[in-house]
Amino acid sequence: MHTVLEDMPVMFVEAPGGLTGVADAWERLEAPLGSLRGRRFYGVYFKGSYRACVATTDGDVPGELGLDTALIPGGLYATAKLRDWAEHTSEIEGAFAALQDANEVDPTRPSIEFYRSQRELVLYVPIIADAQRTM
C-alpha cells in the first residue's frame, strides 16, 4: 500500500549510536513531556541516524522541554502495519527490508515508524514512484 504524507513538524531526541541507542532516546523524549496521552510518536531512521520524535502541538515550547525540532518530510511512502509491535520488535527491520525490496526507495528522505497505538505500528518507506519493482 502507498500513501502521501504531509510535512510534519516534530520535537526529537537523537539516539546515541544510531539503532543501539533507541531505548535511551525514547526515555529522554518522553521524560519532559508529562502526559503522553494524545501525542503522536514517530521513529525516524536516516543514513544510520535514529531520532525518537513527537509531533508538536499548540503550546509546546521545545526549548523549555530541552528538545530539538525538525520537519519529517512528506511525500510518497510505501506502508506496512505491524500488529502487537511491542512483542515483535525483532520483526521491524525485516518489514522495512521487505518494503524497500518491493519499491524504488527515495534515498533523500527517511524511513518512518508511526506508533499509532500500543498495538499498532505503521512503517513508512519513502519511494520515488508509485510502481512496484519487477522481479
N, C-alpha and C. Protein backbone atom coordinates (compact mmCIF):
# COMPACT_ATOMS: atom_id res chain seq x y z
N MET A 1 0.84 -1.17 0.00
CA MET A 1 0.00 0.00 0.00
C MET A 1 0.89 1.24 0.00
N HIS A 2 0.42 2.29 -0.65
CA HIS A 2 1.16 3.55 -0.72
C HIS A 2 0.29 4.67 -0.17
N THR A 3 0.95 5.69 0.36
CA THR A 3 0.24 6.85 0.87
C THR A 3 1.12 8.09 0.70
N VAL A 4 0.48 9.24 0.69
CA VAL A 4 1.21 10.51 0.64
C VAL A 4 1.10 11.16 2.02
N LEU A 5 2.25 11.49 2.59
CA LEU A 5 2.30 12.16 3.88
C LEU A 5 2.59 13.64 3.67
N GLU A 6 2.05 14.46 4.55
CA GLU A 6 2.38 15.89 4.59
C GLU A 6 3.62 16.07 5.45
N ASP A 7 4.36 17.17 5.23
CA ASP A 7 5.48 17.50 6.12
C ASP A 7 4.95 17.58 7.54
N MET A 8 5.73 17.10 8.50
CA MET A 8 5.29 17.11 9.89
C MET A 8 6.34 17.70 10.82
N PRO A 9 6.00 18.81 11.49
CA PRO A 9 6.93 19.36 12.48
C PRO A 9 6.94 18.49 13.74
N VAL A 10 8.15 18.21 14.21
CA VAL A 10 8.31 17.35 15.39
C VAL A 10 9.37 17.91 16.33
N MET A 11 9.30 17.43 17.56
CA MET A 11 10.38 17.60 18.52
C MET A 11 11.05 16.24 18.59
N PHE A 12 12.37 16.22 18.84
CA PHE A 12 13.05 14.92 18.79
C PHE A 12 14.23 14.84 19.74
N VAL A 13 14.68 13.59 19.92
CA VAL A 13 15.92 13.27 20.62
C VAL A 13 16.68 12.31 19.71
N GLU A 14 17.92 12.63 19.45
CA GLU A 14 18.79 11.77 18.62
C GLU A 14 19.26 10.59 19.46
N ALA A 15 19.20 9.39 18.88
CA ALA A 15 19.66 8.19 19.58
C ALA A 15 21.18 8.11 19.50
N PRO A 16 21.84 8.04 20.66
CA PRO A 16 23.29 7.89 20.62
C PRO A 16 23.65 6.53 20.03
N GLY A 17 24.55 6.52 19.06
CA GLY A 17 24.97 5.25 18.47
C GLY A 17 23.99 4.68 17.47
N GLY A 18 23.10 5.51 16.93
CA GLY A 18 22.13 5.00 15.94
C GLY A 18 21.13 4.06 16.59
N LEU A 19 20.90 2.92 15.96
CA LEU A 19 19.88 2.00 16.45
C LEU A 19 20.20 1.40 17.83
N THR A 20 21.47 1.39 18.23
CA THR A 20 21.81 0.85 19.54
C THR A 20 21.34 1.74 20.68
N GLY A 21 21.04 3.01 20.38
CA GLY A 21 20.62 3.94 21.42
C GLY A 21 19.13 4.26 21.40
N VAL A 22 18.34 3.44 20.74
CA VAL A 22 16.90 3.72 20.58
C VAL A 22 16.19 3.84 21.93
N ALA A 23 16.38 2.89 22.82
CA ALA A 23 15.68 2.90 24.11
C ALA A 23 16.01 4.17 24.90
N ASP A 24 17.28 4.55 24.90
CA ASP A 24 17.71 5.76 25.60
C ASP A 24 17.03 7.00 25.01
N ALA A 25 16.96 7.07 23.68
CA ALA A 25 16.34 8.23 23.03
C ALA A 25 14.87 8.35 23.40
N TRP A 26 14.15 7.23 23.42
CA TRP A 26 12.73 7.28 23.78
C TRP A 26 12.53 7.72 25.23
N GLU A 27 13.38 7.26 26.12
CA GLU A 27 13.29 7.68 27.53
C GLU A 27 13.51 9.19 27.65
N ARG A 28 14.52 9.70 26.94
CA ARG A 28 14.83 11.13 27.01
C ARG A 28 13.76 11.99 26.34
N LEU A 29 13.07 11.45 25.34
CA LEU A 29 11.99 12.19 24.68
C LEU A 29 10.75 12.25 25.57
N GLU A 30 10.37 11.12 26.14
CA GLU A 30 9.13 11.06 26.92
C GLU A 30 9.22 11.76 28.27
N ALA A 31 10.39 11.77 28.89
CA ALA A 31 10.55 12.30 30.24
C ALA A 31 10.03 13.73 30.41
N PRO A 32 10.37 14.69 29.55
CA PRO A 32 9.92 16.06 29.78
C PRO A 32 8.49 16.35 29.34
N LEU A 33 7.83 15.40 28.69
CA LEU A 33 6.51 15.66 28.13
C LEU A 33 5.38 15.62 29.15
N GLY A 34 5.61 15.02 30.30
CA GLY A 34 4.49 14.87 31.23
C GLY A 34 3.57 13.79 30.70
N SER A 35 2.37 14.15 30.35
CA SER A 35 1.42 13.18 29.81
C SER A 35 1.75 12.85 28.36
N LEU A 36 1.65 11.57 28.03
CA LEU A 36 1.87 11.12 26.65
C LEU A 36 0.54 10.98 25.91
N ARG A 37 -0.53 11.09 26.64
CA ARG A 37 -1.87 10.91 26.08
C ARG A 37 -2.15 11.92 24.97
N GLY A 38 -2.64 11.41 23.85
CA GLY A 38 -2.99 12.27 22.72
C GLY A 38 -1.81 12.68 21.85
N ARG A 39 -0.62 12.28 22.21
CA ARG A 39 0.57 12.62 21.44
C ARG A 39 0.76 11.62 20.29
N ARG A 40 1.40 12.07 19.21
CA ARG A 40 1.71 11.21 18.07
C ARG A 40 3.22 11.02 18.01
N PHE A 41 3.65 9.76 18.13
CA PHE A 41 5.07 9.43 18.23
C PHE A 41 5.59 8.75 16.96
N TYR A 42 6.83 9.12 16.60
CA TYR A 42 7.46 8.61 15.39
C TYR A 42 8.90 8.24 15.67
N GLY A 43 9.37 7.20 15.03
CA GLY A 43 10.79 6.89 14.97
C GLY A 43 11.24 7.19 13.56
N VAL A 44 12.33 7.93 13.41
CA VAL A 44 12.80 8.33 12.08
C VAL A 44 14.23 7.83 11.91
N TYR A 45 14.45 7.06 10.85
CA TYR A 45 15.77 6.48 10.57
C TYR A 45 16.26 6.99 9.23
N PHE A 46 17.46 7.61 9.25
CA PHE A 46 18.02 8.17 8.02
C PHE A 46 19.54 8.13 8.07
N LYS A 47 20.13 7.41 7.13
CA LYS A 47 21.59 7.34 6.98
C LYS A 47 22.30 7.00 8.29
N GLY A 48 21.81 5.97 8.96
CA GLY A 48 22.45 5.48 10.18
C GLY A 48 22.07 6.22 11.45
N SER A 49 21.26 7.24 11.33
CA SER A 49 20.84 8.04 12.49
C SER A 49 19.38 7.73 12.82
N TYR A 50 19.08 7.59 14.12
CA TYR A 50 17.71 7.34 14.57
C TYR A 50 17.28 8.47 15.50
N ARG A 51 16.07 8.97 15.26
CA ARG A 51 15.50 10.00 16.12
C ARG A 51 14.16 9.53 16.66
N ALA A 52 13.99 9.66 17.97
CA ALA A 52 12.69 9.45 18.60
C ALA A 52 11.98 10.80 18.52
N CYS A 53 10.78 10.82 17.94
CA CYS A 53 10.10 12.08 17.66
C CYS A 53 8.68 12.10 18.20
N VAL A 54 8.20 13.30 18.47
CA VAL A 54 6.80 13.52 18.82
C VAL A 54 6.32 14.73 18.03
N ALA A 55 5.13 14.61 17.42
CA ALA A 55 4.57 15.73 16.68
C ALA A 55 4.32 16.89 17.63
N THR A 56 4.64 18.09 17.17
CA THR A 56 4.41 19.26 18.02
C THR A 56 2.92 19.58 18.06
N THR A 57 2.51 20.13 19.18
CA THR A 57 1.12 20.57 19.35
C THR A 57 1.13 22.02 19.83
N ASP A 58 -0.02 22.66 19.74
CA ASP A 58 -0.12 24.03 20.24
C ASP A 58 0.30 24.08 21.70
N GLY A 59 1.08 25.04 22.03
CA GLY A 59 1.53 25.20 23.40
C GLY A 59 2.87 24.56 23.70
N ASP A 60 3.38 23.73 22.78
CA ASP A 60 4.70 23.13 23.00
C ASP A 60 5.77 24.22 22.88
N VAL A 61 6.71 24.19 23.80
CA VAL A 61 7.87 25.07 23.73
C VAL A 61 9.09 24.16 23.80
N PRO A 62 9.56 23.70 22.64
CA PRO A 62 10.63 22.71 22.60
C PRO A 62 11.86 23.09 23.42
N GLY A 63 12.28 24.35 23.36
CA GLY A 63 13.45 24.78 24.11
C GLY A 63 13.29 24.59 25.61
N GLU A 64 12.10 24.88 26.13
CA GLU A 64 11.84 24.70 27.56
C GLU A 64 11.82 23.23 27.93
N LEU A 65 11.48 22.38 26.98
CA LEU A 65 11.45 20.93 27.23
C LEU A 65 12.81 20.29 27.01
N GLY A 66 13.75 21.06 26.47
CA GLY A 66 15.08 20.53 26.19
C GLY A 66 15.11 19.64 24.96
N LEU A 67 14.18 19.88 24.02
CA LEU A 67 14.08 19.06 22.82
C LEU A 67 14.44 19.87 21.58
N ASP A 68 15.03 19.20 20.60
CA ASP A 68 15.33 19.81 19.31
C ASP A 68 14.09 19.72 18.43
N THR A 69 14.07 20.47 17.34
CA THR A 69 12.95 20.43 16.40
C THR A 69 13.44 20.08 15.00
N ALA A 70 12.54 19.50 14.23
CA ALA A 70 12.83 19.13 12.84
C ALA A 70 11.52 19.00 12.10
N LEU A 71 11.64 18.73 10.82
CA LEU A 71 10.48 18.51 9.98
C LEU A 71 10.64 17.14 9.33
N ILE A 72 9.69 16.24 9.57
CA ILE A 72 9.69 14.96 8.87
C ILE A 72 9.13 15.25 7.48
N PRO A 73 9.91 14.96 6.43
CA PRO A 73 9.47 15.33 5.08
C PRO A 73 8.31 14.47 4.59
N GLY A 74 7.36 15.13 3.96
CA GLY A 74 6.23 14.44 3.37
C GLY A 74 6.62 13.85 2.03
N GLY A 75 5.62 13.34 1.34
CA GLY A 75 5.84 12.75 0.03
C GLY A 75 5.21 11.38 -0.05
N LEU A 76 5.57 10.64 -1.06
CA LEU A 76 5.01 9.32 -1.31
C LEU A 76 5.79 8.26 -0.52
N TYR A 77 5.06 7.43 0.20
CA TYR A 77 5.65 6.38 1.02
C TYR A 77 4.92 5.05 0.80
N ALA A 78 5.69 3.96 0.79
CA ALA A 78 5.11 2.62 0.85
C ALA A 78 4.89 2.31 2.32
N THR A 79 3.80 1.62 2.65
CA THR A 79 3.47 1.39 4.05
C THR A 79 3.20 -0.08 4.36
N ALA A 80 3.39 -0.42 5.61
CA ALA A 80 3.03 -1.73 6.14
C ALA A 80 2.67 -1.54 7.61
N LYS A 81 1.85 -2.43 8.13
CA LYS A 81 1.47 -2.37 9.55
C LYS A 81 2.03 -3.58 10.28
N LEU A 82 2.42 -3.33 11.51
CA LEU A 82 2.90 -4.40 12.38
C LEU A 82 2.03 -4.38 13.63
N ARG A 83 1.26 -5.43 13.82
CA ARG A 83 0.37 -5.52 14.98
C ARG A 83 1.14 -6.07 16.19
N ASP A 84 0.70 -5.67 17.37
CA ASP A 84 1.36 -6.09 18.61
C ASP A 84 2.88 -5.88 18.52
N TRP A 85 3.25 -4.70 18.05
CA TRP A 85 4.64 -4.40 17.75
C TRP A 85 5.58 -4.57 18.94
N ALA A 86 5.11 -4.28 20.14
CA ALA A 86 6.00 -4.37 21.32
C ALA A 86 6.47 -5.81 21.54
N GLU A 87 5.68 -6.75 21.09
CA GLU A 87 6.05 -8.17 21.22
C GLU A 87 6.80 -8.67 19.99
N HIS A 88 6.92 -7.83 18.97
CA HIS A 88 7.53 -8.24 17.71
C HIS A 88 8.58 -7.24 17.22
N THR A 89 9.28 -6.60 18.13
CA THR A 89 10.26 -5.59 17.69
C THR A 89 11.34 -6.19 16.80
N SER A 90 11.62 -7.47 16.96
CA SER A 90 12.64 -8.11 16.12
C SER A 90 12.20 -8.20 14.66
N GLU A 91 10.92 -7.99 14.38
CA GLU A 91 10.40 -8.09 13.01
C GLU A 91 10.41 -6.74 12.27
N ILE A 92 10.68 -5.65 12.98
CA ILE A 92 10.62 -4.33 12.36
C ILE A 92 11.64 -4.20 11.23
N GLU A 93 12.87 -4.59 11.47
CA GLU A 93 13.92 -4.46 10.45
C GLU A 93 13.56 -5.25 9.19
N GLY A 94 13.05 -6.46 9.35
CA GLY A 94 12.67 -7.28 8.20
C GLY A 94 11.50 -6.70 7.43
N ALA A 95 10.55 -6.09 8.14
CA ALA A 95 9.39 -5.47 7.48
C ALA A 95 9.84 -4.26 6.67
N PHE A 96 10.77 -3.48 7.21
CA PHE A 96 11.32 -2.37 6.44
C PHE A 96 12.06 -2.89 5.20
N ALA A 97 12.84 -3.94 5.35
CA ALA A 97 13.59 -4.51 4.23
C ALA A 97 12.65 -4.99 3.13
N ALA A 98 11.53 -5.60 3.51
CA ALA A 98 10.57 -6.08 2.51
C ALA A 98 9.97 -4.91 1.73
N LEU A 99 9.65 -3.82 2.43
CA LEU A 99 9.13 -2.63 1.74
C LEU A 99 10.16 -2.05 0.79
N GLN A 100 11.40 -2.02 1.23
CA GLN A 100 12.47 -1.47 0.38
C GLN A 100 12.71 -2.34 -0.84
N ASP A 101 12.64 -3.66 -0.68
CA ASP A 101 12.86 -4.57 -1.80
C ASP A 101 11.75 -4.49 -2.84
N ALA A 102 10.54 -4.15 -2.42
CA ALA A 102 9.38 -4.13 -3.32
C ALA A 102 9.16 -2.77 -4.00
N ASN A 103 9.98 -1.77 -3.65
CA ASN A 103 9.75 -0.42 -4.16
C ASN A 103 11.05 0.26 -4.53
N GLU A 104 10.95 1.32 -5.34
CA GLU A 104 12.11 2.13 -5.65
C GLU A 104 12.22 3.19 -4.55
N VAL A 105 13.19 3.03 -3.67
CA VAL A 105 13.34 3.88 -2.49
C VAL A 105 13.94 5.23 -2.85
N ASP A 106 13.40 6.28 -2.24
CA ASP A 106 13.94 7.63 -2.38
C ASP A 106 15.01 7.81 -1.30
N PRO A 107 16.29 7.89 -1.68
CA PRO A 107 17.36 7.97 -0.68
C PRO A 107 17.49 9.33 -0.01
N THR A 108 16.68 10.31 -0.41
CA THR A 108 16.79 11.66 0.16
C THR A 108 15.86 11.88 1.34
N ARG A 109 15.01 10.88 1.64
CA ARG A 109 14.07 11.01 2.76
C ARG A 109 14.20 9.81 3.70
N PRO A 110 13.79 9.97 4.96
CA PRO A 110 13.96 8.90 5.95
C PRO A 110 12.85 7.85 5.90
N SER A 111 13.15 6.72 6.51
CA SER A 111 12.12 5.72 6.82
C SER A 111 11.51 6.12 8.15
N ILE A 112 10.23 5.82 8.33
CA ILE A 112 9.49 6.32 9.50
C ILE A 112 8.70 5.20 10.16
N GLU A 113 8.72 5.19 11.48
CA GLU A 113 7.82 4.35 12.28
C GLU A 113 6.79 5.29 12.90
N PHE A 114 5.53 4.97 12.75
CA PHE A 114 4.47 5.74 13.40
C PHE A 114 3.81 4.84 14.42
N TYR A 115 3.93 5.20 15.68
CA TYR A 115 3.36 4.41 16.78
C TYR A 115 1.90 4.80 16.94
N ARG A 116 1.07 4.21 16.10
CA ARG A 116 -0.35 4.56 16.04
C ARG A 116 -1.06 4.26 17.36
N SER A 117 -0.67 3.18 18.02
CA SER A 117 -1.26 2.81 19.31
C SER A 117 -0.31 1.84 19.99
N GLN A 118 -0.67 1.39 21.16
CA GLN A 118 0.13 0.38 21.86
C GLN A 118 0.15 -0.94 21.10
N ARG A 119 -0.80 -1.11 20.20
CA ARG A 119 -0.92 -2.38 19.47
C ARG A 119 -0.51 -2.29 18.01
N GLU A 120 -0.45 -1.08 17.44
CA GLU A 120 -0.20 -0.98 16.00
C GLU A 120 0.91 0.00 15.67
N LEU A 121 1.86 -0.49 14.88
CA LEU A 121 2.97 0.31 14.37
C LEU A 121 2.82 0.37 12.86
N VAL A 122 2.89 1.58 12.29
CA VAL A 122 2.83 1.74 10.84
C VAL A 122 4.22 2.12 10.36
N LEU A 123 4.71 1.37 9.38
CA LEU A 123 6.03 1.61 8.82
C LEU A 123 5.89 2.34 7.49
N TYR A 124 6.74 3.32 7.26
CA TYR A 124 6.74 4.10 6.03
C TYR A 124 8.14 4.09 5.42
N VAL A 125 8.23 3.74 4.14
CA VAL A 125 9.49 3.79 3.40
C VAL A 125 9.28 4.78 2.25
N PRO A 126 10.15 5.79 2.11
CA PRO A 126 9.97 6.79 1.05
C PRO A 126 10.24 6.17 -0.31
N ILE A 127 9.34 6.44 -1.24
CA ILE A 127 9.52 5.87 -2.57
C ILE A 127 9.49 6.97 -3.63
N ILE A 128 10.09 6.66 -4.77
CA ILE A 128 10.21 7.61 -5.86
C ILE A 128 8.98 7.56 -6.76
N ALA A 129 8.54 6.37 -7.07
CA ALA A 129 7.42 6.22 -8.00
C ALA A 129 6.35 5.32 -7.38
N ASP A 130 5.15 5.45 -7.88
CA ASP A 130 4.04 4.64 -7.36
C ASP A 130 3.96 3.31 -8.11
N ALA A 131 5.11 2.77 -8.45
CA ALA A 131 5.14 1.49 -9.15
C ALA A 131 6.08 0.54 -8.40
N GLN A 132 5.65 -0.69 -8.25
CA GLN A 132 6.49 -1.68 -7.61
C GLN A 132 7.57 -2.16 -8.59
N ARG A 133 8.69 -2.57 -8.04
CA ARG A 133 9.75 -3.13 -8.86
C ARG A 133 9.30 -4.46 -9.44
N THR A 134 9.81 -4.78 -10.61
CA THR A 134 9.54 -6.10 -11.17
C THR A 134 10.66 -7.02 -10.73
N MET A 135 10.34 -8.24 -10.54
CA MET A 135 11.33 -9.22 -10.06
C MET A 135 12.08 -9.83 -11.21
